[in-house]
Amino acid sequence: MALMLLLAQSAVMASRAASAADLAALAAADALRGITQGVPCSVAANVAARHGAKISRCIEGGGDTVEVRTELLHRSMFGAATGHARAGPPP
């Protein structure tokens, strides 16, 4: 039973890390395109922090895209949950 709870907790944390990465990448892409104000990677860091994560990598790519990797601030027994997302303008 304890193992099942740990695995469920890990799945929830992985989902939270992915959500933080998605939201941070979208916010950074909006800043990069000038839709919102701010430096893209700083905007991404602020959004990730509001969701309990930190940015481990933020790269502004070609075509107004941004790639973000996040890591949750709270760790489980299995380590830190990470997320990865890329965002940019619609095709």
Protein backbone atom coordinates (compact mmCIF):
# COMPACT_ATOMS: atom_id res chain seq x y z
CA MET A 1 0.00 0.00 0.00
CA ALA A 2 2.82 2.41 0.86
CA LEU A 3 4.48 1.74 -2.48
CA MET A 4 1.24 2.49 -4.30
CA LEU A 5 0.93 5.80 -2.45
CA LEU A 6 4.52 6.74 -3.32
CA LEU A 7 3.93 5.93 -6.98
CA ALA A 8 0.71 7.95 -6.99
CA GLN A 9 2.50 10.87 -5.35
CA SER A 10 5.24 10.68 -8.00
CA ALA A 11 2.65 10.72 -10.78
CA VAL A 12 0.96 13.80 -9.30
CA MET A 13 4.30 15.57 -8.91
CA ALA A 14 5.29 14.75 -12.50
CA SER A 15 1.99 16.21 -13.69
CA ARG A 16 2.56 19.38 -11.62
CA ALA A 17 6.07 19.77 -13.06
CA ALA A 18 4.75 19.35 -16.61
CA SER A 19 1.99 21.88 -16.00
CA ALA A 20 4.48 24.39 -14.60
CA ALA A 21 6.68 23.91 -17.67
CA ASP A 22 3.73 24.35 -20.05
CA LEU A 23 2.54 27.54 -18.38
CA ALA A 24 6.05 28.97 -18.09
CA ALA A 25 6.81 28.27 -21.76
CA LEU A 26 3.54 29.86 -22.90
CA ALA A 27 4.16 32.97 -20.79
CA ALA A 28 7.75 33.24 -22.05
CA ALA A 29 6.65 32.86 -25.68
CA ASP A 30 4.10 35.64 -25.22
CA ALA A 31 6.82 37.90 -23.78
CA LEU A 32 9.18 37.00 -26.62
CA ARG A 33 6.56 37.92 -29.22
CA GLY A 34 5.77 41.20 -27.43
CA ILE A 35 2.24 40.22 -26.45
CA THR A 36 3.15 40.76 -22.78
CA GLN A 37 5.95 42.73 -21.17
CA GLY A 38 9.11 41.32 -19.66
CA VAL A 39 12.20 39.31 -20.44
CA PRO A 40 11.00 35.87 -21.61
CA CYS A 41 13.08 33.69 -19.29
CA SER A 42 12.39 35.97 -16.31
CA VAL A 43 8.68 35.75 -17.04
CA ALA A 44 9.00 31.97 -17.25
CA ALA A 45 10.82 31.86 -13.90
CA ASN A 46 8.09 33.93 -12.24
CA VAL A 47 5.32 31.72 -13.59
CA ALA A 48 7.15 28.54 -12.59
CA ALA A 49 7.74 29.91 -9.07
CA ARG A 50 4.02 30.57 -8.68
CA HIS A 51 3.47 26.88 -9.39
CA GLY A 52 6.10 25.59 -6.95
CA ALA A 53 8.83 24.99 -9.51
CA LYS A 54 12.10 26.49 -10.65
CA ILE A 55 13.48 26.86 -14.16
CA SER A 56 16.43 24.57 -14.82
CA ARG A 57 16.75 25.65 -18.46
CA CYS A 58 15.20 28.34 -20.63
CA ILE A 59 16.24 28.73 -24.26
CA GLU A 60 14.89 31.21 -26.78
CA GLY A 61 14.85 29.42 -30.12
CA GLY A 62 14.25 30.44 -33.69
CA GLY A 63 10.81 31.37 -34.91
CA ASP A 64 9.87 33.06 -31.62
CA THR A 65 9.84 29.76 -29.72
CA VAL A 66 10.92 29.17 -26.14
CA GLU A 67 11.95 25.85 -24.58
CA VAL A 68 11.66 25.49 -20.81
CA ARG A 69 12.64 22.77 -18.35
CA THR A 70 11.30 22.92 -14.81
CA GLU A 71 11.98 21.13 -11.55
CA LEU A 72 9.58 21.09 -8.61
CA LEU A 73 10.92 22.65 -5.44
CA HIS A 74 9.54 19.80 -3.30
CA ARG A 75 11.15 16.42 -3.79
CA SER A 76 9.76 12.95 -3.27
CA MET A 77 11.68 9.84 -2.27
CA PHE A 78 12.30 9.26 -5.99
CA GLY A 79 13.91 12.69 -6.50
CA ALA A 80 12.71 15.89 -8.08
CA ALA A 81 9.93 15.85 -10.65
CA THR A 82 10.84 17.59 -13.90
CA GLY A 83 8.86 19.00 -16.79
CA HIS A 84 9.70 20.09 -20.32
CA ALA A 85 7.73 22.28 -22.72
CA ARG A 86 8.20 24.32 -25.87
CA ALA A 87 5.90 27.12 -26.99
CA GLY A 88 5.70 29.64 -29.78
CA PRO A 89 3.36 31.28 -32.22
CA PRO A 90 0.63 29.24 -33.85
CA PRO A 91 1.53 27.64 -37.18
